[in-house]
Amino acid sequence: MTEKAQKVIDAAHRVVDGGVPLGKLIREGKKDPMSARVNCEYAAVLREVINQLQQSPGVIMCADVLKLCEELEAL
């Protein structure tokens, strides 16, 4: 599952590396653009977890999520 863990990390990095620029968040009137960007990172991570672990539409096994958590902690 290490490849899956790396894809989850990569999803968060895409947000940090310019996918959601602070300038855009400031122009959109976000009161706290740093927090808004962190929220976007969390959303990107959750979406990628679903993409990596979804067994069939709407089905993700809790054991797979926990295993992925262990892999992420080990990176």
PDB file of N, CA and C in Angstrom:
ATOM      1  N   MET A   1       0.807  -1.203   0.000  1.00  0.00           N
ATOM      2  CA  MET A   1       0.000   0.000   0.000  1.00  0.00           C
ATOM      3  C   MET A   1       0.846   1.260   0.000  1.00  0.00           C
ATOM      4  N   THR A   2       2.133   1.134  -0.050  1.00  0.00           N
ATOM      5  CA  THR A   2       2.992   2.312  -0.012  1.00  0.00           C
ATOM      6  C   THR A   2       2.721   3.238  -1.189  1.00  0.00           C
ATOM      7  N   GLU A   3       2.435   2.691  -2.362  1.00  0.00           N
ATOM      8  CA  GLU A   3       2.126   3.518  -3.530  1.00  0.00           C
ATOM      9  C   GLU A   3       0.864   4.346  -3.279  1.00  0.00           C
ATOM     10  N   LYS A   4      -0.115   3.746  -2.630  1.00  0.00           N
ATOM     11  CA  LYS A   4      -1.349   4.470  -2.306  1.00  0.00           C
ATOM     12  C   LYS A   4      -1.061   5.600  -1.324  1.00  0.00           C
ATOM     13  N   ALA A   5      -0.235   5.313  -0.327  1.00  0.00           N
ATOM     14  CA  ALA A   5       0.117   6.340   0.652  1.00  0.00           C
ATOM     15  C   ALA A   5       0.828   7.502  -0.030  1.00  0.00           C
ATOM     16  N   GLN A   6       1.717   7.198  -0.965  1.00  0.00           N
ATOM     17  CA  GLN A   6       2.440   8.254  -1.664  1.00  0.00           C
ATOM     18  C   GLN A   6       1.490   9.100  -2.511  1.00  0.00           C
ATOM     19  N   LYS A   7       0.490   8.479  -3.113  1.00  0.00           N
ATOM     20  CA  LYS A   7      -0.482   9.232  -3.912  1.00  0.00           C
ATOM     21  C   LYS A   7      -1.296  10.182  -3.035  1.00  0.00           C
ATOM     22  N   VAL A   8      -1.588   9.775  -1.801  1.00  0.00           N
ATOM     23  CA  VAL A   8      -2.311  10.642  -0.867  1.00  0.00           C
ATOM     24  C   VAL A   8      -1.446  11.853  -0.511  1.00  0.00           C
ATOM     25  N   ILE A   9      -0.175  11.613  -0.217  1.00  0.00           N
ATOM     26  CA  ILE A   9       0.756  12.712   0.088  1.00  0.00           C
ATOM     27  C   ILE A   9       0.885  13.638  -1.118  1.00  0.00           C
ATOM     28  N   ASP A  10       0.984  13.061  -2.303  1.00  0.00           N
ATOM     29  CA  ASP A  10       1.108  13.865  -3.519  1.00  0.00           C
ATOM     30  C   ASP A  10      -0.103  14.772  -3.721  1.00  0.00           C
ATOM     31  N   ALA A  11      -1.289  14.281  -3.378  1.00  0.00           N
ATOM     32  CA  ALA A  11      -2.503  15.092  -3.513  1.00  0.00           C
ATOM     33  C   ALA A  11      -2.418  16.339  -2.642  1.00  0.00           C
ATOM     34  N   ALA A  12      -1.943  16.191  -1.419  1.00  0.00           N
ATOM     35  CA  ALA A  12      -1.790  17.345  -0.526  1.00  0.00           C
ATOM     36  C   ALA A  12      -0.719  18.292  -1.056  1.00  0.00           C
ATOM     37  N   HIS A  13       0.373  17.746  -1.586  1.00  0.00           N
ATOM     38  CA  HIS A  13       1.451  18.590  -2.108  1.00  0.00           C
ATOM     39  C   HIS A  13       0.995  19.404  -3.312  1.00  0.00           C
ATOM     40  N   ARG A  14       0.119  18.861  -4.139  1.00  0.00           N
ATOM     41  CA  ARG A  14      -0.380  19.618  -5.286  1.00  0.00           C
ATOM     42  C   ARG A  14      -1.113  20.874  -4.828  1.00  0.00           C
ATOM     43  N   VAL A  15      -1.820  20.779  -3.713  1.00  0.00           N
ATOM     44  CA  VAL A  15      -2.508  21.960  -3.168  1.00  0.00           C
ATOM     45  C   VAL A  15      -1.477  22.963  -2.675  1.00  0.00           C
ATOM     46  N   VAL A  16      -0.493  22.489  -1.935  1.00  0.00           N
ATOM     47  CA  VAL A  16       0.528  23.359  -1.366  1.00  0.00           C
ATOM     48  C   VAL A  16       1.374  24.006  -2.457  1.00  0.00           C
ATOM     49  N   ASP A  17       1.681  23.235  -3.501  1.00  0.00           N
ATOM     50  CA  ASP A  17       2.590  23.708  -4.549  1.00  0.00           C
ATOM     51  C   ASP A  17       1.911  24.566  -5.607  1.00  0.00           C
ATOM     52  N   GLY A  18       0.806  25.165  -5.288  1.00  0.00           N
ATOM     53  CA  GLY A  18       0.215  26.109  -6.206  1.00  0.00           C
ATOM     54  C   GLY A  18      -1.182  25.779  -6.679  1.00  0.00           C
ATOM     55  N   GLY A  19      -1.684  24.620  -6.322  1.00  0.00           N
ATOM     56  CA  GLY A  19      -3.036  24.280  -6.720  1.00  0.00           C
ATOM     57  C   GLY A  19      -4.062  25.233  -6.136  1.00  0.00           C
ATOM     58  N   VAL A  20      -3.772  25.757  -4.964  1.00  0.00           N
ATOM     59  CA  VAL A  20      -4.653  26.729  -4.315  1.00  0.00           C
ATOM     60  C   VAL A  20      -3.771  27.878  -3.812  1.00  0.00           C
ATOM     61  N   PRO A  21      -3.466  28.839  -4.695  1.00  0.00           N
ATOM     62  CA  PRO A  21      -2.575  29.928  -4.294  1.00  0.00           C
ATOM     63  C   PRO A  21      -3.211  30.851  -3.260  1.00  0.00           C
ATOM     64  N   LEU A  22      -2.391  31.299  -2.332  1.00  0.00           N
ATOM     65  CA  LEU A  22      -2.876  32.195  -1.280  1.00  0.00           C
ATOM     66  C   LEU A  22      -3.452  33.479  -1.862  1.00  0.00           C
ATOM     67  N   GLY A  23      -2.838  33.996  -2.924  1.00  0.00           N
ATOM     68  CA  GLY A  23      -3.343  35.222  -3.539  1.00  0.00           C
ATOM     69  C   GLY A  23      -4.789  35.072  -3.988  1.00  0.00           C
ATOM     70  N   LYS A  24      -5.111  33.932  -4.566  1.00  0.00           N
ATOM     71  CA  LYS A  24      -6.483  33.686  -5.020  1.00  0.00           C
ATOM     72  C   LYS A  24      -7.432  33.661  -3.829  1.00  0.00           C
ATOM     73  N   LEU A  25      -7.023  33.001  -2.758  1.00  0.00           N
ATOM     74  CA  LEU A  25      -7.874  32.921  -1.570  1.00  0.00           C
ATOM     75  C   LEU A  25      -8.096  34.295  -0.961  1.00  0.00           C
ATOM     76  N   ILE A  26      -7.064  35.138  -0.996  1.00  0.00           N
ATOM     77  CA  ILE A  26      -7.188  36.497  -0.469  1.00  0.00           C
ATOM     78  C   ILE A  26      -8.154  37.295  -1.355  1.00  0.00           C
ATOM     79  N   ARG A  27      -8.006  37.163  -2.677  1.00  0.00           N
ATOM     80  CA  ARG A  27      -8.908  37.875  -3.604  1.00  0.00           C
ATOM     81  C   ARG A  27     -10.348  37.416  -3.432  1.00  0.00           C
ATOM     82  N   GLU A  28     -10.541  36.142  -3.084  1.00  0.00           N
ATOM     83  CA  GLU A  28     -11.891  35.626  -2.874  1.00  0.00           C
ATOM     84  C   GLU A  28     -12.478  36.080  -1.543  1.00  0.00           C
ATOM     85  N   GLY A  29     -11.674  36.803  -0.751  1.00  0.00           N
ATOM     86  CA  GLY A  29     -12.170  37.355   0.501  1.00  0.00           C
ATOM     87  C   GLY A  29     -12.164  36.385   1.664  1.00  0.00           C
ATOM     88  N   LYS A  30     -11.337  35.343   1.585  1.00  0.00           N
ATOM     89  CA  LYS A  30     -11.248  34.406   2.713  1.00  0.00           C
ATOM     90  C   LYS A  30     -10.658  35.144   3.907  1.00  0.00           C
ATOM     91  N   LYS A  31     -11.311  35.037   5.052  1.00  0.00           N
ATOM     92  CA  LYS A  31     -10.837  35.741   6.246  1.00  0.00           C
ATOM     93  C   LYS A  31      -9.469  35.248   6.685  1.00  0.00           C
ATOM     94  N   ASP A  32      -9.224  33.964   6.545  1.00  0.00           N
ATOM     95  CA  ASP A  32      -7.939  33.378   6.915  1.00  0.00           C
ATOM     96  C   ASP A  32      -7.476  32.473   5.768  1.00  0.00           C
ATOM     97  N   PRO A  33      -6.748  33.036   4.799  1.00  0.00           N
ATOM     98  CA  PRO A  33      -6.379  32.255   3.621  1.00  0.00           C
ATOM     99  C   PRO A  33      -5.517  31.037   3.935  1.00  0.00           C
ATOM    100  N   MET A  34      -4.684  31.105   4.973  1.00  0.00           N
ATOM    101  CA  MET A  34      -3.867  29.937   5.333  1.00  0.00           C
ATOM    102  C   MET A  34      -4.763  28.789   5.790  1.00  0.00           C
ATOM    103  N   SER A  35      -5.751  29.093   6.616  1.00  0.00           N
ATOM    104  CA  SER A  35      -6.684  28.057   7.060  1.00  0.00           C
ATOM    105  C   SER A  35      -7.483  27.505   5.884  1.00  0.00           C
ATOM    106  N   ALA A  36      -7.870  28.380   4.967  1.00  0.00           N
ATOM    107  CA  ALA A  36      -8.620  27.936   3.791  1.00  0.00           C
ATOM    108  C   ALA A  36      -7.776  26.984   2.958  1.00  0.00           C
ATOM    109  N   ARG A  37      -6.489  27.269   2.817  1.00  0.00           N
ATOM    110  CA  ARG A  37      -5.612  26.381   2.048  1.00  0.00           C
ATOM    111  C   ARG A  37      -5.439  25.046   2.756  1.00  0.00           C
ATOM    112  N   VAL A  38      -5.316  25.067   4.065  1.00  0.00           N
ATOM    113  CA  VAL A  38      -5.220  23.815   4.829  1.00  0.00           C
ATOM    114  C   VAL A  38      -6.495  22.998   4.635  1.00  0.00           C
ATOM    115  N   ASN A  39      -7.643  23.668   4.642  1.00  0.00           N
ATOM    116  CA  ASN A  39      -8.907  22.965   4.404  1.00  0.00           C
ATOM    117  C   ASN A  39      -8.907  22.310   3.024  1.00  0.00           C
ATOM    118  N   CYS A  40      -8.351  23.008   2.027  1.00  0.00           N
ATOM    119  CA  CYS A  40      -8.255  22.437   0.684  1.00  0.00           C
ATOM    120  C   CYS A  40      -7.332  21.224   0.672  1.00  0.00           C
ATOM    121  N   GLU A  41      -6.254  21.280   1.458  1.00  0.00           N
ATOM    122  CA  GLU A  41      -5.352  20.125   1.568  1.00  0.00           C
ATOM    123  C   GLU A  41      -6.091  18.925   2.155  1.00  0.00           C
ATOM    124  N   TYR A  42      -6.838  19.154   3.231  1.00  0.00           N
ATOM    125  CA  TYR A  42      -7.603  18.055   3.838  1.00  0.00           C
ATOM    126  C   TYR A  42      -8.587  17.453   2.842  1.00  0.00           C
ATOM    127  N   ALA A  43      -9.265  18.311   2.106  1.00  0.00           N
ATOM    128  CA  ALA A  43     -10.232  17.826   1.123  1.00  0.00           C
ATOM    129  C   ALA A  43      -9.534  17.004   0.043  1.00  0.00           C
ATOM    130  N   ALA A  44      -8.371  17.474  -0.424  1.00  0.00           N
ATOM    131  CA  ALA A  44      -7.621  16.741  -1.446  1.00  0.00           C
ATOM    132  C   ALA A  44      -7.182  15.376  -0.921  1.00  0.00           C
ATOM    133  N   VAL A  45      -6.746  15.340   0.324  1.00  0.00           N
ATOM    134  CA  VAL A  45      -6.322  14.079   0.931  1.00  0.00           C
ATOM    135  C   VAL A  45      -7.500  13.111   1.039  1.00  0.00           C
ATOM    136  N   LEU A  46      -8.629  13.592   1.511  1.00  0.00           N
ATOM    137  CA  LEU A  46      -9.803  12.722   1.643  1.00  0.00           C
ATOM    138  C   LEU A  46     -10.271  12.195   0.290  1.00  0.00           C
ATOM    139  N   ARG A  47     -10.264  13.058  -0.709  1.00  0.00           N
ATOM    140  CA  ARG A  47     -10.662  12.607  -2.054  1.00  0.00           C
ATOM    141  C   ARG A  47      -9.719  11.518  -2.572  1.00  0.00           C
ATOM    142  N   GLU A  48      -8.423  11.705  -2.337  1.00  0.00           N
ATOM    143  CA  GLU A  48      -7.458  10.717  -2.818  1.00  0.00           C
ATOM    144  C   GLU A  48      -7.563   9.412  -2.037  1.00  0.00           C
ATOM    145  N   VAL A  49      -7.836   9.484  -0.739  1.00  0.00           N
ATOM    146  CA  VAL A  49      -8.058   8.260   0.045  1.00  0.00           C
ATOM    147  C   VAL A  49      -9.225   7.478  -0.558  1.00  0.00           C
ATOM    148  N   ILE A  50     -10.298   8.177  -0.873  1.00  0.00           N
ATOM    149  CA  ILE A  50     -11.454   7.512  -1.495  1.00  0.00           C
ATOM    150  C   ILE A  50     -11.055   6.901  -2.830  1.00  0.00           C
ATOM    151  N   ASN A  51     -10.330   7.664  -3.648  1.00  0.00           N
ATOM    152  CA  ASN A  51      -9.903   7.147  -4.955  1.00  0.00           C
ATOM    153  C   ASN A  51      -9.041   5.897  -4.816  1.00  0.00           C
ATOM    154  N   GLN A  52      -8.176   5.873  -3.830  1.00  0.00           N
ATOM    155  CA  GLN A  52      -7.248   4.754  -3.669  1.00  0.00           C
ATOM    156  C   GLN A  52      -7.882   3.534  -3.020  1.00  0.00           C
ATOM    157  N   LEU A  53      -8.864   3.724  -2.159  1.00  0.00           N
ATOM    158  CA  LEU A  53      -9.372   2.612  -1.354  1.00  0.00           C
ATOM    159  C   LEU A  53     -10.776   2.141  -1.721  1.00  0.00           C
ATOM    160  N   GLN A  54     -11.460   2.856  -2.570  1.00  0.00           N
ATOM    161  CA  GLN A  54     -12.841   2.489  -2.887  1.00  0.00           C
ATOM    162  C   GLN A  54     -12.880   1.131  -3.591  1.00  0.00           C
ATOM    163  N   GLN A  55     -13.593   0.186  -2.988  1.00  0.00           N
ATOM    164  CA  GLN A  55     -13.689  -1.169  -3.531  1.00  0.00           C
ATOM    165  C   GLN A  55     -14.782  -1.248  -4.594  1.00  0.00           C
ATOM    166  N   SER A  56     -15.876  -0.567  -4.349  1.00  0.00           N
ATOM    167  CA  SER A  56     -16.977  -0.422  -5.295  1.00  0.00           C
ATOM    168  C   SER A  56     -17.653   0.883  -4.917  1.00  0.00           C
ATOM    169  N   PRO A  57     -18.527   1.423  -5.760  1.00  0.00           N
ATOM    170  CA  PRO A  57     -19.121   2.727  -5.438  1.00  0.00           C
ATOM    171  C   PRO A  57     -19.696   2.776  -4.016  1.00  0.00           C
ATOM    172  N   GLY A  58     -19.147   3.691  -3.231  1.00  0.00           N
ATOM    173  CA  GLY A  58     -19.655   3.900  -1.876  1.00  0.00           C
ATOM    174  C   GLY A  58     -19.125   2.932  -0.824  1.00  0.00           C
ATOM    175  N   VAL A  59     -18.181   2.059  -1.176  1.00  0.00           N
ATOM    176  CA  VAL A  59     -17.702   1.066  -0.212  1.00  0.00           C
ATOM    177  C   VAL A  59     -16.200   1.220   0.008  1.00  0.00           C
ATOM    178  N   ILE A  60     -15.837   1.516   1.256  1.00  0.00           N
ATOM    179  CA  ILE A  60     -14.439   1.575   1.673  1.00  0.00           C
ATOM    180  C   ILE A  60     -14.343   0.778   2.965  1.00  0.00           C
ATOM    181  N   MET A  61     -13.360  -0.090   3.039  1.00  0.00           N
ATOM    182  CA  MET A  61     -13.184  -0.929   4.222  1.00  0.00           C
ATOM    183  C   MET A  61     -12.377  -0.166   5.285  1.00  0.00           C
ATOM    184  N   CYS A  62     -12.879  -0.160   6.508  1.00  0.00           N
ATOM    185  CA  CYS A  62     -12.197   0.535   7.611  1.00  0.00           C
ATOM    186  C   CYS A  62     -10.779  -0.002   7.807  1.00  0.00           C
ATOM    187  N   ALA A  63     -10.610  -1.298   7.664  1.00  0.00           N
ATOM    188  CA  ALA A  63      -9.282  -1.896   7.838  1.00  0.00           C
ATOM    189  C   ALA A  63      -8.296  -1.326   6.819  1.00  0.00           C
ATOM    190  N   ASP A  64      -8.769  -1.060   5.597  1.00  0.00           N
ATOM    191  CA  ASP A  64      -7.899  -0.475   4.574  1.00  0.00           C
ATOM    192  C   ASP A  64      -7.500   0.948   4.943  1.00  0.00           C
ATOM    193  N   VAL A  65      -8.429   1.704   5.511  1.00  0.00           N
ATOM    194  CA  VAL A  65      -8.128   3.080   5.931  1.00  0.00           C
ATOM    195  C   VAL A  65      -7.083   3.056   7.055  1.00  0.00           C
ATOM    196  N   LEU A  66      -7.254   2.176   8.014  1.00  0.00           N
ATOM    197  CA  LEU A  66      -6.299   2.084   9.120  1.00  0.00           C
ATOM    198  C   LEU A  66      -4.922   1.663   8.630  1.00  0.00           C
ATOM    199  N   LYS A  67      -4.876   0.732   7.691  1.00  0.00           N
ATOM    200  CA  LYS A  67      -3.589   0.306   7.131  1.00  0.00           C
ATOM    201  C   LYS A  67      -2.925   1.470   6.402  1.00  0.00           C
ATOM    202  N   LEU A  68      -3.720   2.244   5.650  1.00  0.00           N
ATOM    203  CA  LEU A  68      -3.176   3.405   4.960  1.00  0.00           C
ATOM    204  C   LEU A  68      -2.653   4.432   5.964  1.00  0.00           C
ATOM    205  N   CYS A  69      -3.342   4.615   7.075  1.00  0.00           N
ATOM    206  CA  CYS A  69      -2.872   5.523   8.131  1.00  0.00           C
ATOM    207  C   CYS A  69      -1.495   5.095   8.643  1.00  0.00           C
ATOM    208  N   GLU A  70      -1.334   3.815   8.870  1.00  0.00           N
ATOM    209  CA  GLU A  70      -0.031   3.305   9.319  1.00  0.00           C
ATOM    210  C   GLU A  70       1.049   3.561   8.285  1.00  0.00           C
ATOM    211  N   GLU A  71       0.714   3.374   7.014  1.00  0.00           N
ATOM    212  CA  GLU A  71       1.678   3.613   5.945  1.00  0.00           C
ATOM    213  C   GLU A  71       2.059   5.098   5.896  1.00  0.00           C
ATOM    214  N   LEU A  72       1.072   5.975   6.032  1.00  0.00           N
ATOM    215  CA  LEU A  72       1.341   7.410   6.005  1.00  0.00           C
ATOM    216  C   LEU A  72       2.238   7.818   7.173  1.00  0.00           C
ATOM    217  N   GLU A  73       1.975   7.253   8.340  1.00  0.00           N
ATOM    218  CA  GLU A  73       2.798   7.569   9.518  1.00  0.00           C
ATOM    219  C   GLU A  73       4.225   7.084   9.347  1.00  0.00           C
ATOM    220  N   ALA A  74       4.399   6.029   8.562  1.00  0.00           N
ATOM    221  CA  ALA A  74       5.727   5.467   8.373  1.00  0.00           C
ATOM    222  C   ALA A  74       6.544   6.221   7.313  1.00  0.00           C
ATOM    223  N   LEU A  75       5.881   7.043   6.494  1.00  0.00           N
ATOM    224  CA  LEU A  75       6.610   7.794   5.450  1.00  0.00           C
ATOM    225  C   LEU A  75       7.530   8.838   6.048  1.00  0.00           C
TER     226      LEU A  75
END
